[in-house]
Each structure stands twice: as C-alpha cells, then as structure tokens.
Amino acid sequence: MGQRLAPALAIASMSKVEKPVLERWPIIYCRYIDDCFVVCSTQTEMDTCFELLNRQSEPIKFTREKPADNWLAFLNVQIKFSHGIQKTKWYRKPSSKNILVHCSSAHPLKTKTAIVKNLFKTAAAVSSEGDFRAESMEMARHIAQENGYGCNEQPAWRRRRARMEHAQEEERTKVPFCVPFVSDDMSAAIRACLRKADLQSLRTSKDSWSETASMIGDAKRPPV
C-alpha cells in the first residue's frame, strides 16, 4: 500500500474476489479496501465464504479473526451481536503506541485542539450509548493524558506565555525616568534617591539618555 495506485488496484481486485461471496447473500458484508467484515447465519456458512475468498486468486490469501468474548474488531471498531442487537465500542490495536502531537510541542494551539477534539469525537461516534461509550471516552481521556493533555499542571509553553504577559504588564506600569549619564557615582546616587522614596519598583530598566536624545534629534530633524 506504499504506492498511490495500490488502494485503487486493491479495490478493483477485491471487487472480483468477493463476487462469489456476495452471491451467497451473507447477513452482513462490509469491506474497506481489503479488510472485510462478514456475518453469516451459521459457522458452516462462514467457513464456506472464507474458502471461497481464498479460492479466487492464487497470490491473494486471506486470514481471519474470530470473535474474542463475543467481540470482533473491524478497523477502529469492536462489534458485538447479542440477541439481535448490535453493540459497538472504540478499538485500538494492542501494538498501537497511542502517540499524538504532544501538548508541549511548538505546533499551533488550534492544531493541538483539533487533534484532541477529533480523538474524543471518534471515540464517541463509533460507540454505542451507555457503558460502551463511557469506556471508549475513558480510553480517549487516558491517551490524551499520556500526551500531556488534560493534566493539572500547565504545559511549558503556556507557563512561558504567562510569564511573558506578566512581565509586559509590569513593564507598562513603570514610569520612564531618563537622565543623562554623568558618572557612575551620579547614577548610583540617583538610584539611592529612588530607593529612599520607595520608587524603585516603578522605574523601568529601559531608560537611557541615548534613546531620549535620539528621539529629540528625530523630532528636530526637518522632514525630507
């Protein structure tokens, strides 16, 4: 399936292979590319359909999975029939690593939000109501937490943003205090006066006479 043409060729081949099975009218026959889900009235009929599939093409051989605890997996869904009622729940392969874009990654916030939203949306959409849906949603919540989502601690990128916003807010409350540089002693004396007046916390560290002089020079410069 590594080539772009492979899915189309698989669908075309399967349409020929599955024809004898469809002629027997099984109770349910679903297929996605080359994955089939078949329900028959008896085990004998199921074995016959399986033999027909493997008999159509020599290079193509099928394997089958039997229900475990009355549950049968098909794609990302587990299906169970009980007293004529179909029940479903979300399915993840045991080999799945459940790796998502981590919450602390540098991806856009909208991207990460969409990933988590689709995770829970899929779990709910493929599950029957009641305990089965609750079980699927709990699995989705566990996967999200494994990738840093929904934890009590804020992610690193959010903590950095909060610190930057707090620093910017503090900077806006400070008063620019621009004085020309005379000497280190004079600057130390000015800082001492500000401390005595309890104004040190309001003084911004971005004060510089050179910036002020530059602004004054720009204001006096005639327009071009």
C-alpha atoms as a PDB file:
ATOM      1  CA  MET A   1       0.000   0.000   0.000  1.00  0.00           C
ATOM      2  CA  GLY A   2       3.007   2.270  -0.294  1.00  0.00           C
ATOM      3  CA  GLN A   3       2.112   3.411  -3.825  1.00  0.00           C
ATOM      4  CA  ARG A   4      -0.684   5.820  -4.693  1.00  0.00           C
ATOM      5  CA  LEU A   5      -2.153   3.348  -7.164  1.00  0.00           C
ATOM      6  CA  ALA A   6      -2.175   0.475  -4.660  1.00  0.00           C
ATOM      7  CA  PRO A   7      -5.556   1.238  -2.996  1.00  0.00           C
ATOM      8  CA  ALA A   8      -7.301   1.543  -6.368  1.00  0.00           C
ATOM      9  CA  LEU A   9      -5.803  -1.755  -7.562  1.00  0.00           C
ATOM     10  CA  ALA A  10      -6.759  -3.456  -4.286  1.00  0.00           C
ATOM     11  CA  ILE A  11     -10.361  -2.264  -4.618  1.00  0.00           C
ATOM     12  CA  ALA A  12     -10.538  -3.489  -8.218  1.00  0.00           C
ATOM     13  CA  SER A  13      -9.102  -6.889  -7.274  1.00  0.00           C
ATOM     14  CA  MET A  14     -11.401  -7.270  -4.273  1.00  0.00           C
ATOM     15  CA  SER A  15     -14.481  -6.497  -6.370  1.00  0.00           C
ATOM     16  CA  LYS A  16     -13.670  -9.624  -8.385  1.00  0.00           C
ATOM     17  CA  VAL A  17     -12.619 -11.787  -5.432  1.00  0.00           C
ATOM     18  CA  GLU A  18     -15.683 -11.017  -3.314  1.00  0.00           C
ATOM     19  CA  LYS A  19     -18.272 -11.664  -6.047  1.00  0.00           C
ATOM     20  CA  PRO A  20     -18.897 -15.384  -5.208  1.00  0.00           C
ATOM     21  CA  VAL A  21     -19.349 -14.479  -1.530  1.00  0.00           C
ATOM     22  CA  LEU A  22     -21.861 -11.733  -2.295  1.00  0.00           C
ATOM     23  CA  GLU A  23     -23.865 -14.187  -4.384  1.00  0.00           C
ATOM     24  CA  ARG A  24     -24.449 -16.239  -1.210  1.00  0.00           C
ATOM     25  CA  TRP A  25     -26.091 -13.239   0.476  1.00  0.00           C
ATOM     26  CA  PRO A  26     -24.400 -13.216   3.902  1.00  0.00           C
ATOM     27  CA  ILE A  27     -26.216 -11.396   6.699  1.00  0.00           C
ATOM     28  CA  ILE A  28     -23.612  -8.599   6.745  1.00  0.00           C
ATOM     29  CA  TYR A  29     -20.755  -7.953   4.347  1.00  0.00           C
ATOM     30  CA  CYS A  30     -18.650  -4.801   4.764  1.00  0.00           C
ATOM     31  CA  ARG A  31     -15.306  -4.019   3.199  1.00  0.00           C
ATOM     32  CA  TYR A  32     -12.760  -1.205   3.409  1.00  0.00           C
ATOM     33  CA  ILE A  33     -10.150  -1.678   0.648  1.00  0.00           C
ATOM     34  CA  ASP A  34      -9.041  -5.234   1.543  1.00  0.00           C
ATOM     35  CA  ASP A  35     -10.422  -5.555   5.099  1.00  0.00           C
ATOM     36  CA  CYS A  36     -13.694  -7.479   5.172  1.00  0.00           C
ATOM     37  CA  PHE A  37     -16.304  -7.887   7.879  1.00  0.00           C
ATOM     38  CA  VAL A  38     -18.656 -10.817   7.306  1.00  0.00           C
ATOM     39  CA  VAL A  39     -21.542 -12.128   9.402  1.00  0.00           C
ATOM     40  CA  CYS A  40     -23.228 -15.402   8.431  1.00  0.00           C
ATOM     41  CA  SER A  41     -26.104 -17.348   9.906  1.00  0.00           C
ATOM     42  CA  THR A  42     -24.011 -20.437  10.756  1.00  0.00           C
ATOM     43  CA  GLN A  43     -20.369 -21.300  11.312  1.00  0.00           C
ATOM     44  CA  THR A  44     -20.511 -23.671   8.335  1.00  0.00           C
ATOM     45  CA  GLU A  45     -21.642 -20.851   6.063  1.00  0.00           C
ATOM     46  CA  MET A  46     -18.845 -18.655   7.423  1.00  0.00           C
ATOM     47  CA  ASP A  47     -16.244 -21.339   6.654  1.00  0.00           C
ATOM     48  CA  THR A  48     -17.642 -21.701   3.135  1.00  0.00           C
ATOM     49  CA  CYS A  49     -17.365 -17.956   2.475  1.00  0.00           C
ATOM     50  CA  PHE A  50     -13.801 -17.943   3.791  1.00  0.00           C
ATOM     51  CA  GLU A  51     -12.831 -20.805   1.483  1.00  0.00           C
ATOM     52  CA  LEU A  52     -14.433 -19.040  -1.483  1.00  0.00           C
ATOM     53  CA  LEU A  53     -12.397 -15.898  -0.839  1.00  0.00           C
ATOM     54  CA  ASN A  54      -9.125 -17.834  -0.717  1.00  0.00           C
ATOM     55  CA  ARG A  55     -10.007 -19.817  -3.850  1.00  0.00           C
ATOM     56  CA  GLN A  56     -10.411 -16.861  -6.228  1.00  0.00           C
ATOM     57  CA  SER A  57      -6.765 -15.861  -6.700  1.00  0.00           C
ATOM     58  CA  GLU A  58      -3.614 -17.846  -6.053  1.00  0.00           C
ATOM     59  CA  PRO A  59      -1.447 -14.871  -4.962  1.00  0.00           C
ATOM     60  CA  ILE A  60      -4.158 -13.488  -2.645  1.00  0.00           C
ATOM     61  CA  LYS A  61      -4.666 -15.329   0.629  1.00  0.00           C
ATOM     62  CA  PHE A  62      -6.858 -14.123   3.465  1.00  0.00           C
ATOM     63  CA  THR A  63      -6.537 -14.560   7.189  1.00  0.00           C
ATOM     64  CA  ARG A  64      -9.441 -14.211   9.570  1.00  0.00           C
ATOM     65  CA  GLU A  65     -10.045 -13.176  13.135  1.00  0.00           C
ATOM     66  CA  LYS A  66     -12.653 -14.861  15.255  1.00  0.00           C
ATOM     67  CA  PRO A  67     -14.634 -13.101  17.984  1.00  0.00           C
ATOM     68  CA  ALA A  68     -12.973 -12.866  21.397  1.00  0.00           C
ATOM     69  CA  ASP A  69     -15.508 -12.710  24.244  1.00  0.00           C
ATOM     70  CA  ASN A  70     -18.137 -12.216  21.526  1.00  0.00           C
ATOM     71  CA  TRP A  71     -16.345  -9.048  20.310  1.00  0.00           C
ATOM     72  CA  LEU A  72     -14.883  -8.807  16.804  1.00  0.00           C
ATOM     73  CA  ALA A  73     -12.594  -5.944  15.747  1.00  0.00           C
ATOM     74  CA  PHE A  74     -13.017  -4.261  12.361  1.00  0.00           C
ATOM     75  CA  LEU A  75     -10.842  -1.222  11.617  1.00  0.00           C
ATOM     76  CA  ASN A  76     -11.218   1.033  14.689  1.00  0.00           C
ATOM     77  CA  VAL A  77     -14.440  -0.546  15.975  1.00  0.00           C
ATOM     78  CA  GLN A  78     -15.260  -3.599  18.069  1.00  0.00           C
ATOM     79  CA  ILE A  79     -18.639  -5.133  17.248  1.00  0.00           C
ATOM     80  CA  LYS A  80     -20.825  -7.485  19.238  1.00  0.00           C
ATOM     81  CA  PHE A  81     -24.192  -9.033  18.393  1.00  0.00           C
ATOM     82  CA  SER A  82     -26.353 -10.022  21.322  1.00  0.00           C
ATOM     83  CA  HIS A  83     -29.984 -11.154  20.906  1.00  0.00           C
ATOM     84  CA  GLY A  84     -30.142  -9.468  17.517  1.00  0.00           C
ATOM     85  CA  ILE A  85     -28.824  -6.138  18.862  1.00  0.00           C
ATOM     86  CA  GLN A  86     -25.587  -4.651  17.550  1.00  0.00           C
ATOM     87  CA  LYS A  87     -23.246  -3.059  20.088  1.00  0.00           C
ATOM     88  CA  THR A  88     -20.039  -1.228  19.273  1.00  0.00           C
ATOM     89  CA  LYS A  89     -17.139   0.419  21.045  1.00  0.00           C
ATOM     90  CA  TRP A  90     -13.873   2.066  20.081  1.00  0.00           C
ATOM     91  CA  TYR A  91     -10.932  -0.201  19.274  1.00  0.00           C
ATOM     92  CA  ARG A  92      -7.191   0.389  19.396  1.00  0.00           C
ATOM     93  CA  LYS A  93      -4.749  -2.294  18.305  1.00  0.00           C
ATOM     94  CA  PRO A  94      -2.529  -3.677  21.099  1.00  0.00           C
ATOM     95  CA  SER A  95       0.509  -2.655  19.035  1.00  0.00           C
ATOM     96  CA  SER A  96      -0.646   0.978  18.872  1.00  0.00           C
ATOM     97  CA  LYS A  97       1.682   3.392  20.708  1.00  0.00           C
ATOM     98  CA  ASN A  98      -1.096   5.997  21.108  1.00  0.00           C
ATOM     99  CA  ILE A  99       1.289   8.787  20.102  1.00  0.00           C
ATOM    100  CA  LEU A 100      -0.258  12.190  19.381  1.00  0.00           C
ATOM    101  CA  VAL A 101       1.253  15.635  18.883  1.00  0.00           C
ATOM    102  CA  HIS A 102       2.390  16.356  22.433  1.00  0.00           C
ATOM    103  CA  CYS A 103       0.767  19.181  24.339  1.00  0.00           C
ATOM    104  CA  SER A 104       4.140  20.879  24.949  1.00  0.00           C
ATOM    105  CA  SER A 105       5.100  20.890  21.261  1.00  0.00           C
ATOM    106  CA  ALA A 106       5.514  24.070  19.229  1.00  0.00           C
ATOM    107  CA  HIS A 107       2.565  23.272  16.961  1.00  0.00           C
ATOM    108  CA  PRO A 108      -0.176  25.920  16.714  1.00  0.00           C
ATOM    109  CA  LEU A 109      -2.724  25.785  19.512  1.00  0.00           C
ATOM    110  CA  LYS A 110      -5.551  25.284  17.000  1.00  0.00           C
ATOM    111  CA  THR A 111      -3.823  22.187  15.624  1.00  0.00           C
ATOM    112  CA  LYS A 112      -3.457  20.568  19.041  1.00  0.00           C
ATOM    113  CA  THR A 113      -7.013  21.486  19.991  1.00  0.00           C
ATOM    114  CA  ALA A 114      -8.331  19.864  16.802  1.00  0.00           C
ATOM    115  CA  ILE A 115      -6.322  16.678  17.442  1.00  0.00           C
ATOM    116  CA  VAL A 116      -7.778  16.187  20.920  1.00  0.00           C
ATOM    117  CA  LYS A 117     -11.270  17.165  19.777  1.00  0.00           C
ATOM    118  CA  ASN A 118     -11.200  14.615  16.941  1.00  0.00           C
ATOM    119  CA  LEU A 119      -9.881  11.952  19.331  1.00  0.00           C
ATOM    120  CA  PHE A 120     -12.921  12.253  21.598  1.00  0.00           C
ATOM    121  CA  LYS A 121     -15.261  12.770  18.647  1.00  0.00           C
ATOM    122  CA  THR A 122     -14.159   9.475  17.072  1.00  0.00           C
ATOM    123  CA  ALA A 123     -14.423   7.584  20.361  1.00  0.00           C
ATOM    124  CA  ALA A 124     -17.992   8.820  20.844  1.00  0.00           C
ATOM    125  CA  ALA A 125     -19.102   8.388  17.224  1.00  0.00           C
ATOM    126  CA  VAL A 126     -18.189   4.698  16.889  1.00  0.00           C
ATOM    127  CA  SER A 127     -19.526   3.628  20.303  1.00  0.00           C
ATOM    128  CA  SER A 128     -22.964   2.584  21.424  1.00  0.00           C
ATOM    129  CA  GLU A 129     -24.564   4.607  24.178  1.00  0.00           C
ATOM    130  CA  GLY A 130     -24.201   3.750  27.837  1.00  0.00           C
ATOM    131  CA  ASP A 131     -21.278   1.870  29.351  1.00  0.00           C
ATOM    132  CA  PHE A 132     -19.652   1.201  25.970  1.00  0.00           C
ATOM    133  CA  ARG A 133     -19.409   4.886  25.141  1.00  0.00           C
ATOM    134  CA  ALA A 134     -18.162   5.673  28.645  1.00  0.00           C
ATOM    135  CA  GLU A 135     -15.458   3.018  28.235  1.00  0.00           C
ATOM    136  CA  SER A 136     -14.389   4.486  24.881  1.00  0.00           C
ATOM    137  CA  MET A 137     -14.305   8.035  26.263  1.00  0.00           C
ATOM    138  CA  GLU A 138     -12.208   6.868  29.212  1.00  0.00           C
ATOM    139  CA  MET A 139      -9.737   5.299  26.776  1.00  0.00           C
ATOM    140  CA  ALA A 140      -9.555   8.570  24.814  1.00  0.00           C
ATOM    141  CA  ARG A 141      -9.019  10.532  28.037  1.00  0.00           C
ATOM    142  CA  HIS A 142      -6.168   8.199  29.024  1.00  0.00           C
ATOM    143  CA  ILE A 143      -4.499   8.619  25.610  1.00  0.00           C
ATOM    144  CA  ALA A 144      -4.836  12.406  25.840  1.00  0.00           C
ATOM    145  CA  GLN A 145      -3.257  12.440  29.306  1.00  0.00           C
ATOM    146  CA  GLU A 146      -0.367  10.273  28.095  1.00  0.00           C
ATOM    147  CA  ASN A 147       0.397  13.014  25.566  1.00  0.00           C
ATOM    148  CA  GLY A 148       0.230  15.868  28.090  1.00  0.00           C
ATOM    149  CA  TYR A 149      -3.375  16.989  27.618  1.00  0.00           C
ATOM    150  CA  GLY A 150      -5.817  17.486  30.461  1.00  0.00           C
ATOM    151  CA  CYS A 151      -3.182  17.453  33.214  1.00  0.00           C
ATOM    152  CA  ASN A 152      -3.479  19.692  36.259  1.00  0.00           C
ATOM    153  CA  GLU A 153      -0.079  21.202  35.574  1.00  0.00           C
ATOM    154  CA  GLN A 154       0.029  23.771  32.799  1.00  0.00           C
ATOM    155  CA  PRO A 155       2.201  22.885  29.789  1.00  0.00           C
ATOM    156  CA  ALA A 156       5.580  24.587  29.465  1.00  0.00           C
ATOM    157  CA  TRP A 157       4.563  26.783  26.525  1.00  0.00           C
ATOM    158  CA  ARG A 158       1.582  28.133  28.482  1.00  0.00           C
ATOM    159  CA  ARG A 159       3.732  28.877  31.544  1.00  0.00           C
ATOM    160  CA  ARG A 160       6.233  30.751  29.363  1.00  0.00           C
ATOM    161  CA  ARG A 161       3.442  32.791  27.786  1.00  0.00           C
ATOM    162  CA  ALA A 162       2.031  33.645  31.232  1.00  0.00           C
ATOM    163  CA  ARG A 163       5.452  34.818  32.441  1.00  0.00           C
ATOM    164  CA  MET A 164       5.930  36.982  29.351  1.00  0.00           C
ATOM    165  CA  GLU A 165       2.479  38.538  29.690  1.00  0.00           C
ATOM    166  CA  HIS A 166       3.098  39.225  33.388  1.00  0.00           C
ATOM    167  CA  ALA A 167       6.469  40.849  32.627  1.00  0.00           C
ATOM    168  CA  GLN A 168       4.918  43.015  29.905  1.00  0.00           C
ATOM    169  CA  GLU A 169       2.133  44.097  32.243  1.00  0.00           C
ATOM    170  CA  GLU A 170       4.653  45.078  34.917  1.00  0.00           C
ATOM    171  CA  GLU A 171       6.676  46.996  32.338  1.00  0.00           C
ATOM    172  CA  ARG A 172       3.619  49.037  31.305  1.00  0.00           C
ATOM    173  CA  THR A 173       3.024  50.152  34.905  1.00  0.00           C
ATOM    174  CA  LYS A 174       6.539  51.576  35.277  1.00  0.00           C
ATOM    175  CA  VAL A 175       7.455  55.220  34.649  1.00  0.00           C
ATOM    176  CA  PRO A 176      10.328  56.017  32.253  1.00  0.00           C
ATOM    177  CA  PHE A 177      12.969  58.021  34.132  1.00  0.00           C
ATOM    178  CA  CYS A 178      15.521  59.289  31.627  1.00  0.00           C
ATOM    179  CA  VAL A 179      18.589  61.206  32.832  1.00  0.00           C
ATOM    180  CA  PRO A 180      21.852  61.927  31.058  1.00  0.00           C
ATOM    181  CA  PHE A 181      24.831  59.862  32.062  1.00  0.00           C
ATOM    182  CA  VAL A 182      27.318  61.917  34.048  1.00  0.00           C
ATOM    183  CA  SER A 183      29.230  59.327  36.017  1.00  0.00           C
ATOM    184  CA  ASP A 184      28.747  56.028  37.785  1.00  0.00           C
ATOM    185  CA  ASP A 185      28.633  57.856  41.126  1.00  0.00           C
ATOM    186  CA  MET A 186      25.856  60.134  39.890  1.00  0.00           C
ATOM    187  CA  SER A 187      23.815  57.152  38.608  1.00  0.00           C
ATOM    188  CA  ALA A 188      24.292  55.352  41.929  1.00  0.00           C
ATOM    189  CA  ALA A 189      23.149  58.450  43.822  1.00  0.00           C
ATOM    190  CA  ILE A 190      20.012  58.733  41.675  1.00  0.00           C
ATOM    191  CA  ARG A 191      19.164  55.072  42.276  1.00  0.00           C
ATOM    192  CA  ALA A 192      19.690  55.601  46.017  1.00  0.00           C
ATOM    193  CA  CYS A 193      17.263  58.535  45.988  1.00  0.00           C
ATOM    194  CA  LEU A 194      14.667  56.442  44.189  1.00  0.00           C
ATOM    195  CA  ARG A 195      15.043  53.674  46.746  1.00  0.00           C
ATOM    196  CA  LYS A 196      14.632  56.134  49.643  1.00  0.00           C
ATOM    197  CA  ALA A 197      11.450  57.473  48.021  1.00  0.00           C
ATOM    198  CA  ASP A 198      10.205  53.910  47.507  1.00  0.00           C
ATOM    199  CA  LEU A 199      10.004  54.463  43.751  1.00  0.00           C
ATOM    200  CA  GLN A 200      12.481  51.788  42.693  1.00  0.00           C
ATOM    201  CA  SER A 201       9.756  49.314  41.685  1.00  0.00           C
ATOM    202  CA  LEU A 202       8.173  51.894  39.358  1.00  0.00           C
ATOM    203  CA  ARG A 203      11.351  52.702  37.471  1.00  0.00           C
ATOM    204  CA  THR A 204      11.778  50.878  34.183  1.00  0.00           C
ATOM    205  CA  SER A 205      15.153  49.407  33.353  1.00  0.00           C
ATOM    206  CA  LYS A 206      14.883  50.578  29.757  1.00  0.00           C
ATOM    207  CA  ASP A 207      15.705  54.199  30.480  1.00  0.00           C
ATOM    208  CA  SER A 208      18.665  55.562  28.576  1.00  0.00           C
ATOM    209  CA  TRP A 209      19.652  59.075  27.719  1.00  0.00           C
ATOM    210  CA  SER A 210      20.887  57.990  24.316  1.00  0.00           C
ATOM    211  CA  GLU A 211      17.379  56.826  23.340  1.00  0.00           C
ATOM    212  CA  THR A 212      15.870  60.086  24.575  1.00  0.00           C
ATOM    213  CA  ALA A 213      18.463  62.149  22.740  1.00  0.00           C
ATOM    214  CA  SER A 214      17.806  60.149  19.607  1.00  0.00           C
ATOM    215  CA  MET A 215      14.070  60.852  19.848  1.00  0.00           C
ATOM    216  CA  ILE A 216      14.714  64.564  20.425  1.00  0.00           C
ATOM    217  CA  GLY A 217      17.058  64.648  17.450  1.00  0.00           C
ATOM    218  CA  ASP A 218      14.465  62.958  15.243  1.00  0.00           C
ATOM    219  CA  ALA A 219      11.836  65.470  16.332  1.00  0.00           C
ATOM    220  CA  LYS A 220      14.079  68.429  15.488  1.00  0.00           C
ATOM    221  CA  ARG A 221      15.169  66.985  12.158  1.00  0.00           C
ATOM    222  CA  PRO A 222      13.285  68.692   9.303  1.00  0.00           C
ATOM    223  CA  PRO A 223      11.118  66.409   7.123  1.00  0.00           C
ATOM    224  CA  VAL A 224      12.663  65.188   3.866  1.00  0.00           C
END
